[in-house]
Amino acid sequence: MTTDTTIAGRVRRIIAGYSNRDAAILSAADTLHELGLGDLESIEISLDIEEIVDAEGSDDAWEQCQTVGDFIKYAEKLAGVQAMAA
């Protein structure tokens, strides 16, 4: 089994860790609320993401992240990665 080392894969694993779900089944449309996560977990997720991309995001931008996809897009923006078309 290989590990997805892309930003998207790493973000999915971070969120999966907090939600006790398999990263492979997380959908970009899943909201943190649907995954049983609250504001504290959202802050912890954002801090973990900042660590993996080695960049600090704005609190306002992080607060706008509601879905797995939102976190992935913002992490890729912070990392300077062009998101691949699905």
PDB file of N, CA and C in Angstrom:
ATOM      1  N   MET A   1       0.841  -1.180   0.000  1.00  0.00           N
ATOM      2  CA  MET A   1       0.000   0.000   0.000  1.00  0.00           C
ATOM      3  C   MET A   1       0.885   1.243   0.000  1.00  0.00           C
ATOM      4  N   THR A   2       0.603   2.173  -0.911  1.00  0.00           N
ATOM      5  CA  THR A   2       1.374   3.401  -0.970  1.00  0.00           C
ATOM      6  C   THR A   2       0.637   4.509  -0.236  1.00  0.00           C
ATOM      7  N   THR A   3       1.391   5.465   0.243  1.00  0.00           N
ATOM      8  CA  THR A   3       0.818   6.598   0.953  1.00  0.00           C
ATOM      9  C   THR A   3       0.782   7.795   0.024  1.00  0.00           C
ATOM     10  N   ASP A   4      -0.365   8.461  -0.040  1.00  0.00           N
ATOM     11  CA  ASP A   4      -0.527   9.649  -0.864  1.00  0.00           C
ATOM     12  C   ASP A   4       0.220  10.797  -0.188  1.00  0.00           C
ATOM     13  N   THR A   5       1.278  11.282  -0.837  1.00  0.00           N
ATOM     14  CA  THR A   5       2.087  12.349  -0.246  1.00  0.00           C
ATOM     15  C   THR A   5       1.746  13.725  -0.806  1.00  0.00           C
ATOM     16  N   THR A   6       0.696  13.802  -1.632  1.00  0.00           N
ATOM     17  CA  THR A   6       0.269  15.102  -2.134  1.00  0.00           C
ATOM     18  C   THR A   6      -0.294  15.923  -0.979  1.00  0.00           C
ATOM     19  N   ILE A   7      -0.422  17.221  -1.204  1.00  0.00           N
ATOM     20  CA  ILE A   7      -1.038  18.082  -0.190  1.00  0.00           C
ATOM     21  C   ILE A   7      -2.439  17.564   0.121  1.00  0.00           C
ATOM     22  N   ALA A   8      -3.202  17.240  -0.916  1.00  0.00           N
ATOM     23  CA  ALA A   8      -4.574  16.757  -0.713  1.00  0.00           C
ATOM     24  C   ALA A   8      -4.585  15.493   0.138  1.00  0.00           C
ATOM     25  N   GLY A   9      -3.703  14.576  -0.153  1.00  0.00           N
ATOM     26  CA  GLY A   9      -3.643  13.332   0.609  1.00  0.00           C
ATOM     27  C   GLY A   9      -3.266  13.566   2.054  1.00  0.00           C
ATOM     28  N   ARG A  10      -2.328  14.459   2.262  1.00  0.00           N
ATOM     29  CA  ARG A  10      -1.891  14.749   3.635  1.00  0.00           C
ATOM     30  C   ARG A  10      -3.000  15.444   4.426  1.00  0.00           C
ATOM     31  N   VAL A  11      -3.716  16.380   3.771  1.00  0.00           N
ATOM     32  CA  VAL A  11      -4.829  17.064   4.442  1.00  0.00           C
ATOM     33  C   VAL A  11      -5.925  16.058   4.784  1.00  0.00           C
ATOM     34  N   ARG A  12      -6.237  15.171   3.843  1.00  0.00           N
ATOM     35  CA  ARG A  12      -7.259  14.146   4.111  1.00  0.00           C
ATOM     36  C   ARG A  12      -6.857  13.289   5.316  1.00  0.00           C
ATOM     37  N   ARG A  13      -5.587  12.917   5.410  1.00  0.00           N
ATOM     38  CA  ARG A  13      -5.130  12.105   6.546  1.00  0.00           C
ATOM     39  C   ARG A  13      -5.237  12.871   7.864  1.00  0.00           C
ATOM     40  N   ILE A  14      -4.940  14.163   7.835  1.00  0.00           N
ATOM     41  CA  ILE A  14      -5.071  14.977   9.049  1.00  0.00           C
ATOM     42  C   ILE A  14      -6.525  14.989   9.506  1.00  0.00           C
ATOM     43  N   ILE A  15      -7.431  15.301   8.580  1.00  0.00           N
ATOM     44  CA  ILE A  15      -8.854  15.368   8.933  1.00  0.00           C
ATOM     45  C   ILE A  15      -9.364  13.993   9.351  1.00  0.00           C
ATOM     46  N   ALA A  16      -8.931  12.963   8.656  1.00  0.00           N
ATOM     47  CA  ALA A  16      -9.344  11.598   9.005  1.00  0.00           C
ATOM     48  C   ALA A  16      -8.914  11.248  10.425  1.00  0.00           C
ATOM     49  N   GLY A  17      -7.738  11.691  10.809  1.00  0.00           N
ATOM     50  CA  GLY A  17      -7.250  11.417  12.155  1.00  0.00           C
ATOM     51  C   GLY A  17      -8.128  12.023  13.234  1.00  0.00           C
ATOM     52  N   TYR A  18      -8.616  13.226  12.991  1.00  0.00           N
ATOM     53  CA  TYR A  18      -9.483  13.877  13.969  1.00  0.00           C
ATOM     54  C   TYR A  18     -10.893  13.294  13.961  1.00  0.00           C
ATOM     55  N   SER A  19     -11.334  12.795  12.807  1.00  0.00           N
ATOM     56  CA  SER A  19     -12.706  12.289  12.692  1.00  0.00           C
ATOM     57  C   SER A  19     -12.807  10.778  12.880  1.00  0.00           C
ATOM     58  N   ASN A  20     -11.657  10.115  13.073  1.00  0.00           N
ATOM     59  CA  ASN A  20     -11.628   8.656  13.218  1.00  0.00           C
ATOM     60  C   ASN A  20     -12.272   7.949  12.034  1.00  0.00           C
ATOM     61  N   ARG A  21     -12.005   8.470  10.836  1.00  0.00           N
ATOM     62  CA  ARG A  21     -12.491   7.856   9.605  1.00  0.00           C
ATOM     63  C   ARG A  21     -11.300   7.543   8.709  1.00  0.00           C
ATOM     64  N   ASP A  22     -11.535   6.701   7.733  1.00  0.00           N
ATOM     65  CA  ASP A  22     -10.512   6.355   6.750  1.00  0.00           C
ATOM     66  C   ASP A  22     -10.381   7.512   5.764  1.00  0.00           C
ATOM     67  N   ALA A  23      -9.167   7.994   5.554  1.00  0.00           N
ATOM     68  CA  ALA A  23      -8.936   9.111   4.637  1.00  0.00           C
ATOM     69  C   ALA A  23      -9.447   8.807   3.235  1.00  0.00           C
ATOM     70  N   ALA A  24      -9.403   7.552   2.833  1.00  0.00           N
ATOM     71  CA  ALA A  24      -9.817   7.166   1.482  1.00  0.00           C
ATOM     72  C   ALA A  24     -11.307   7.363   1.241  1.00  0.00           C
ATOM     73  N   ILE A  25     -12.103   7.403   2.305  1.00  0.00           N
ATOM     74  CA  ILE A  25     -13.541   7.559   2.102  1.00  0.00           C
ATOM     75  C   ILE A  25     -14.028   8.990   2.312  1.00  0.00           C
ATOM     76  N   LEU A  26     -13.138   9.893   2.684  1.00  0.00           N
ATOM     77  CA  LEU A  26     -13.538  11.284   2.857  1.00  0.00           C
ATOM     78  C   LEU A  26     -13.807  11.911   1.495  1.00  0.00           C
ATOM     79  N   SER A  27     -14.918  12.619   1.401  1.00  0.00           N
ATOM     80  CA  SER A  27     -15.275  13.333   0.183  1.00  0.00           C
ATOM     81  C   SER A  27     -14.904  14.802   0.346  1.00  0.00           C
ATOM     82  N   ALA A  28     -14.557  15.449  -0.750  1.00  0.00           N
ATOM     83  CA  ALA A  28     -14.247  16.881  -0.698  1.00  0.00           C
ATOM     84  C   ALA A  28     -15.445  17.678  -0.195  1.00  0.00           C
ATOM     85  N   ALA A  29     -16.648  17.153  -0.389  1.00  0.00           N
ATOM     86  CA  ALA A  29     -17.866  17.852   0.021  1.00  0.00           C
ATOM     87  C   ALA A  29     -18.225  17.630   1.489  1.00  0.00           C
ATOM     88  N   ASP A  30     -17.564  16.692   2.156  1.00  0.00           N
ATOM     89  CA  ASP A  30     -17.852  16.441   3.573  1.00  0.00           C
ATOM     90  C   ASP A  30     -17.529  17.676   4.401  1.00  0.00           C
ATOM     91  N   THR A  31     -18.483  18.095   5.228  1.00  0.00           N
ATOM     92  CA  THR A  31     -18.216  19.219   6.125  1.00  0.00           C
ATOM     93  C   THR A  31     -17.640  18.684   7.433  1.00  0.00           C
ATOM     94  N   LEU A  32     -16.926  19.553   8.133  1.00  0.00           N
ATOM     95  CA  LEU A  32     -16.395  19.139   9.431  1.00  0.00           C
ATOM     96  C   LEU A  32     -17.537  18.771  10.366  1.00  0.00           C
ATOM     97  N   HIS A  33     -18.628  19.507  10.275  1.00  0.00           N
ATOM     98  CA  HIS A  33     -19.794  19.214  11.111  1.00  0.00           C
ATOM     99  C   HIS A  33     -20.315  17.804  10.837  1.00  0.00           C
ATOM    100  N   GLU A  34     -20.416  17.428   9.565  1.00  0.00           N
ATOM    101  CA  GLU A  34     -20.876  16.082   9.202  1.00  0.00           C
ATOM    102  C   GLU A  34     -19.932  15.006   9.739  1.00  0.00           C
ATOM    103  N   LEU A  35     -18.669  15.363   9.871  1.00  0.00           N
ATOM    104  CA  LEU A  35     -17.671  14.418  10.375  1.00  0.00           C
ATOM    105  C   LEU A  35     -17.597  14.408  11.900  1.00  0.00           C
ATOM    106  N   GLY A  36     -18.476  15.204  12.539  1.00  0.00           N
ATOM    107  CA  GLY A  36     -18.518  15.239  13.996  1.00  0.00           C
ATOM    108  C   GLY A  36     -17.454  16.119  14.620  1.00  0.00           C
ATOM    109  N   LEU A  37     -16.924  17.053  13.839  1.00  0.00           N
ATOM    110  CA  LEU A  37     -15.849  17.920  14.324  1.00  0.00           C
ATOM    111  C   LEU A  37     -16.379  19.327  14.579  1.00  0.00           C
ATOM    112  N   GLY A  38     -15.791  19.994  15.560  1.00  0.00           N
ATOM    113  CA  GLY A  38     -16.207  21.339  15.924  1.00  0.00           C
ATOM    114  C   GLY A  38     -15.109  22.363  15.711  1.00  0.00           C
ATOM    115  N   ASP A  39     -15.295  23.512  16.348  1.00  0.00           N
ATOM    116  CA  ASP A  39     -14.367  24.631  16.184  1.00  0.00           C
ATOM    117  C   ASP A  39     -12.958  24.302  16.670  1.00  0.00           C
ATOM    118  N   LEU A  40     -12.848  23.617  17.788  1.00  0.00           N
ATOM    119  CA  LEU A  40     -11.524  23.286  18.322  1.00  0.00           C
ATOM    120  C   LEU A  40     -10.758  22.402  17.344  1.00  0.00           C
ATOM    121  N   GLU A  41     -11.434  21.380  16.808  1.00  0.00           N
ATOM    122  CA  GLU A  41     -10.771  20.501  15.843  1.00  0.00           C
ATOM    123  C   GLU A  41     -10.403  21.258  14.570  1.00  0.00           C
ATOM    124  N   SER A  42     -11.253  22.198  14.167  1.00  0.00           N
ATOM    125  CA  SER A  42     -10.959  23.003  12.982  1.00  0.00           C
ATOM    126  C   SER A  42      -9.663  23.792  13.172  1.00  0.00           C
ATOM    127  N   ILE A  43      -9.489  24.363  14.353  1.00  0.00           N
ATOM    128  CA  ILE A  43      -8.264  25.110  14.661  1.00  0.00           C
ATOM    129  C   ILE A  43      -7.064  24.171  14.659  1.00  0.00           C
ATOM    130  N   GLU A  44      -7.214  23.010  15.273  1.00  0.00           N
ATOM    131  CA  GLU A  44      -6.113  22.047  15.316  1.00  0.00           C
ATOM    132  C   GLU A  44      -5.748  21.557  13.917  1.00  0.00           C
ATOM    133  N   ILE A  45      -6.757  21.331  13.082  1.00  0.00           N
ATOM    134  CA  ILE A  45      -6.515  20.913  11.697  1.00  0.00           C
ATOM    135  C   ILE A  45      -5.749  21.997  10.954  1.00  0.00           C
ATOM    136  N   SER A  46      -6.168  23.255  11.120  1.00  0.00           N
ATOM    137  CA  SER A  46      -5.485  24.349  10.417  1.00  0.00           C
ATOM    138  C   SER A  46      -4.027  24.467  10.866  1.00  0.00           C
ATOM    139  N   LEU A  47      -3.768  24.289  12.152  1.00  0.00           N
ATOM    140  CA  LEU A  47      -2.385  24.347  12.648  1.00  0.00           C
ATOM    141  C   LEU A  47      -1.551  23.196  12.088  1.00  0.00           C
ATOM    142  N   ASP A  48      -2.146  22.009  12.027  1.00  0.00           N
ATOM    143  CA  ASP A  48      -1.438  20.856  11.453  1.00  0.00           C
ATOM    144  C   ASP A  48      -1.124  21.085   9.976  1.00  0.00           C
ATOM    145  N   ILE A  49      -2.075  21.671   9.258  1.00  0.00           N
ATOM    146  CA  ILE A  49      -1.862  21.944   7.830  1.00  0.00           C
ATOM    147  C   ILE A  49      -0.765  22.983   7.651  1.00  0.00           C
ATOM    148  N   GLU A  50      -0.785  24.040   8.463  1.00  0.00           N
ATOM    149  CA  GLU A  50       0.270  25.050   8.370  1.00  0.00           C
ATOM    150  C   GLU A  50       1.641  24.422   8.578  1.00  0.00           C
ATOM    151  N   GLU A  51       1.702  23.447   9.444  1.00  0.00           N
ATOM    152  CA  GLU A  51       2.974  22.763   9.701  1.00  0.00           C
ATOM    153  C   GLU A  51       3.440  21.976   8.473  1.00  0.00           C
ATOM    154  N   ILE A  52       2.522  21.274   7.800  1.00  0.00           N
ATOM    155  CA  ILE A  52       2.959  20.460   6.656  1.00  0.00           C
ATOM    156  C   ILE A  52       3.312  21.299   5.434  1.00  0.00           C
ATOM    157  N   VAL A  53       2.673  22.483   5.297  1.00  0.00           N
ATOM    158  CA  VAL A  53       2.991  23.322   4.130  1.00  0.00           C
ATOM    159  C   VAL A  53       4.038  24.375   4.465  1.00  0.00           C
ATOM    160  N   ASP A  54       4.414  24.457   5.741  1.00  0.00           N
ATOM    161  CA  ASP A  54       5.422  25.402   6.208  1.00  0.00           C
ATOM    162  C   ASP A  54       5.058  26.836   5.835  1.00  0.00           C
ATOM    163  N   ALA A  55       3.792  27.179   6.089  1.00  0.00           N
ATOM    164  CA  ALA A  55       3.303  28.532   5.825  1.00  0.00           C
ATOM    165  C   ALA A  55       2.150  28.813   6.777  1.00  0.00           C
ATOM    166  N   GLU A  56       1.980  30.088   7.105  1.00  0.00           N
ATOM    167  CA  GLU A  56       0.910  30.475   8.014  1.00  0.00           C
ATOM    168  C   GLU A  56      -0.225  31.106   7.229  1.00  0.00           C
ATOM    169  N   GLY A  57      -1.436  30.630   7.483  1.00  0.00           N
ATOM    170  CA  GLY A  57      -2.617  31.185   6.828  1.00  0.00           C
ATOM    171  C   GLY A  57      -3.278  32.215   7.717  1.00  0.00           C
ATOM    172  N   SER A  58      -4.216  32.951   7.143  1.00  0.00           N
ATOM    173  CA  SER A  58      -4.932  33.958   7.930  1.00  0.00           C
ATOM    174  C   SER A  58      -6.084  33.295   8.683  1.00  0.00           C
ATOM    175  N   ASP A  59      -6.345  33.799   9.873  1.00  0.00           N
ATOM    176  CA  ASP A  59      -7.441  33.254  10.677  1.00  0.00           C
ATOM    177  C   ASP A  59      -8.765  33.371   9.935  1.00  0.00           C
ATOM    178  N   ASP A  60      -8.979  34.503   9.256  1.00  0.00           N
ATOM    179  CA  ASP A  60     -10.228  34.700   8.509  1.00  0.00           C
ATOM    180  C   ASP A  60     -10.396  33.655   7.417  1.00  0.00           C
ATOM    181  N   ALA A  61      -9.321  33.348   6.712  1.00  0.00           N
ATOM    182  CA  ALA A  61      -9.391  32.344   5.641  1.00  0.00           C
ATOM    183  C   ALA A  61      -9.671  30.965   6.216  1.00  0.00           C
ATOM    184  N   TRP A  62      -9.016  30.628   7.316  1.00  0.00           N
ATOM    185  CA  TRP A  62      -9.263  29.323   7.932  1.00  0.00           C
ATOM    186  C   TRP A  62     -10.708  29.203   8.383  1.00  0.00           C
ATOM    187  N   GLU A  63     -11.271  30.290   8.921  1.00  0.00           N
ATOM    188  CA  GLU A  63     -12.658  30.257   9.392  1.00  0.00           C
ATOM    189  C   GLU A  63     -13.637  29.993   8.257  1.00  0.00           C
ATOM    190  N   GLN A  64     -13.254  30.333   7.033  1.00  0.00           N
ATOM    191  CA  GLN A  64     -14.112  30.087   5.870  1.00  0.00           C
ATOM    192  C   GLN A  64     -14.084  28.627   5.426  1.00  0.00           C
ATOM    193  N   CYS A  65     -13.114  27.875   5.870  1.00  0.00           N
ATOM    194  CA  CYS A  65     -12.998  26.462   5.485  1.00  0.00           C
ATOM    195  C   CYS A  65     -14.034  25.645   6.242  1.00  0.00           C
ATOM    196  N   GLN A  66     -14.966  25.082   5.498  1.00  0.00           N
ATOM    197  CA  GLN A  66     -16.030  24.280   6.095  1.00  0.00           C
ATOM    198  C   GLN A  66     -15.993  22.824   5.662  1.00  0.00           C
ATOM    199  N   THR A  67     -15.453  22.568   4.468  1.00  0.00           N
ATOM    200  CA  THR A  67     -15.443  21.210   3.924  1.00  0.00           C
ATOM    201  C   THR A  67     -14.012  20.694   3.792  1.00  0.00           C
ATOM    202  N   VAL A  68     -13.903  19.396   3.585  1.00  0.00           N
ATOM    203  CA  VAL A  68     -12.592  18.798   3.329  1.00  0.00           C
ATOM    204  C   VAL A  68     -11.959  19.487   2.122  1.00  0.00           C
ATOM    205  N   GLY A  69     -12.749  19.720   1.084  1.00  0.00           N
ATOM    206  CA  GLY A  69     -12.250  20.382  -0.122  1.00  0.00           C
ATOM    207  C   GLY A  69     -11.751  21.792   0.138  1.00  0.00           C
ATOM    208  N   ASP A  70     -12.446  22.529   1.006  1.00  0.00           N
ATOM    209  CA  ASP A  70     -12.007  23.888   1.363  1.00  0.00           C
ATOM    210  C   ASP A  70     -10.618  23.853   1.996  1.00  0.00           C
ATOM    211  N   PHE A  71     -10.415  22.918   2.915  1.00  0.00           N
ATOM    212  CA  PHE A  71      -9.114  22.799   3.580  1.00  0.00           C
ATOM    213  C   PHE A  71      -8.025  22.424   2.578  1.00  0.00           C
ATOM    214  N   ILE A  72      -8.350  21.519   1.651  1.00  0.00           N
ATOM    215  CA  ILE A  72      -7.375  21.116   0.633  1.00  0.00           C
ATOM    216  C   ILE A  72      -7.007  22.299  -0.251  1.00  0.00           C
ATOM    217  N   LYS A  73      -8.010  23.025  -0.747  1.00  0.00           N
ATOM    218  CA  LYS A  73      -7.749  24.166  -1.636  1.00  0.00           C
ATOM    219  C   LYS A  73      -6.899  25.225  -0.944  1.00  0.00           C
ATOM    220  N   TYR A  74      -7.224  25.538   0.315  1.00  0.00           N
ATOM    221  CA  TYR A  74      -6.464  26.569   1.009  1.00  0.00           C
ATOM    222  C   TYR A  74      -5.045  26.092   1.314  1.00  0.00           C
ATOM    223  N   ALA A  75      -4.898  24.828   1.669  1.00  0.00           N
ATOM    224  CA  ALA A  75      -3.556  24.278   1.913  1.00  0.00           C
ATOM    225  C   ALA A  75      -2.717  24.343   0.646  1.00  0.00           C
ATOM    226  N   GLU A  76      -3.311  23.998  -0.494  1.00  0.00           N
ATOM    227  CA  GLU A  76      -2.585  24.059  -1.766  1.00  0.00           C
ATOM    228  C   GLU A  76      -2.217  25.501  -2.113  1.00  0.00           C
ATOM    229  N   LYS A  77      -3.113  26.427  -1.807  1.00  0.00           N
ATOM    230  CA  LYS A  77      -2.814  27.847  -2.042  1.00  0.00           C
ATOM    231  C   LYS A  77      -1.630  28.288  -1.181  1.00  0.00           C
ATOM    232  N   LEU A  78      -1.647  27.921   0.087  1.00  0.00           N
ATOM    233  CA  LEU A  78      -0.541  28.277   0.980  1.00  0.00           C
ATOM    234  C   LEU A  78       0.773  27.675   0.517  1.00  0.00           C
ATOM    235  N   ALA A  79       0.698  26.463   0.003  1.00  0.00           N
ATOM    236  CA  ALA A  79       1.907  25.762  -0.442  1.00  0.00           C
ATOM    237  C   ALA A  79       2.348  26.205  -1.831  1.00  0.00           C
ATOM    238  N   GLY A  80       1.511  26.992  -2.505  1.00  0.00           N
ATOM    239  CA  GLY A  80       1.853  27.445  -3.848  1.00  0.00           C
ATOM    240  C   GLY A  80       1.672  26.370  -4.897  1.00  0.00           C
ATOM    241  N   VAL A  81       0.791  25.420  -4.626  1.00  0.00           N
ATOM    242  CA  VAL A  81       0.551  24.306  -5.544  1.00  0.00           C
ATOM    243  C   VAL A  81      -0.640  24.635  -6.428  1.00  0.00           C
ATOM    244  N   GLN A  82      -0.489  24.379  -7.716  1.00  0.00           N
ATOM    245  CA  GLN A  82      -1.604  24.526  -8.631  1.00  0.00           C
ATOM    246  C   GLN A  82      -2.489  23.301  -8.480  1.00  0.00           C
ATOM    247  N   ALA A  83      -3.749  23.517  -8.137  1.00  0.00           N
ATOM    248  CA  ALA A  83      -4.671  22.388  -7.993  1.00  0.00           C
ATOM    249  C   ALA A  83      -4.907  21.755  -9.359  1.00  0.00           C
ATOM    250  N   MET A  84      -4.820  20.449  -9.394  1.00  0.00           N
ATOM    251  CA  MET A  84      -5.049  19.710 -10.630  1.00  0.00           C
ATOM    252  C   MET A  84      -6.552  19.616 -10.874  1.00  0.00           C
ATOM    253  N   ALA A  85      -6.958  19.755 -12.119  1.00  0.00           N
ATOM    254  CA  ALA A  85      -8.371  19.610 -12.460  1.00  0.00           C
ATOM    255  C   ALA A  85      -8.790  18.168 -12.230  1.00  0.00           C
ATOM    256  N   ALA A  86      -9.944  18.010 -11.647  1.00  0.00           N
ATOM    257  CA  ALA A  86     -10.424  16.651 -11.333  1.00  0.00           C
ATOM    258  C   ALA A  86     -10.938  15.943 -12.559  1.00  0.00           C
TER     259      ALA A  86
END
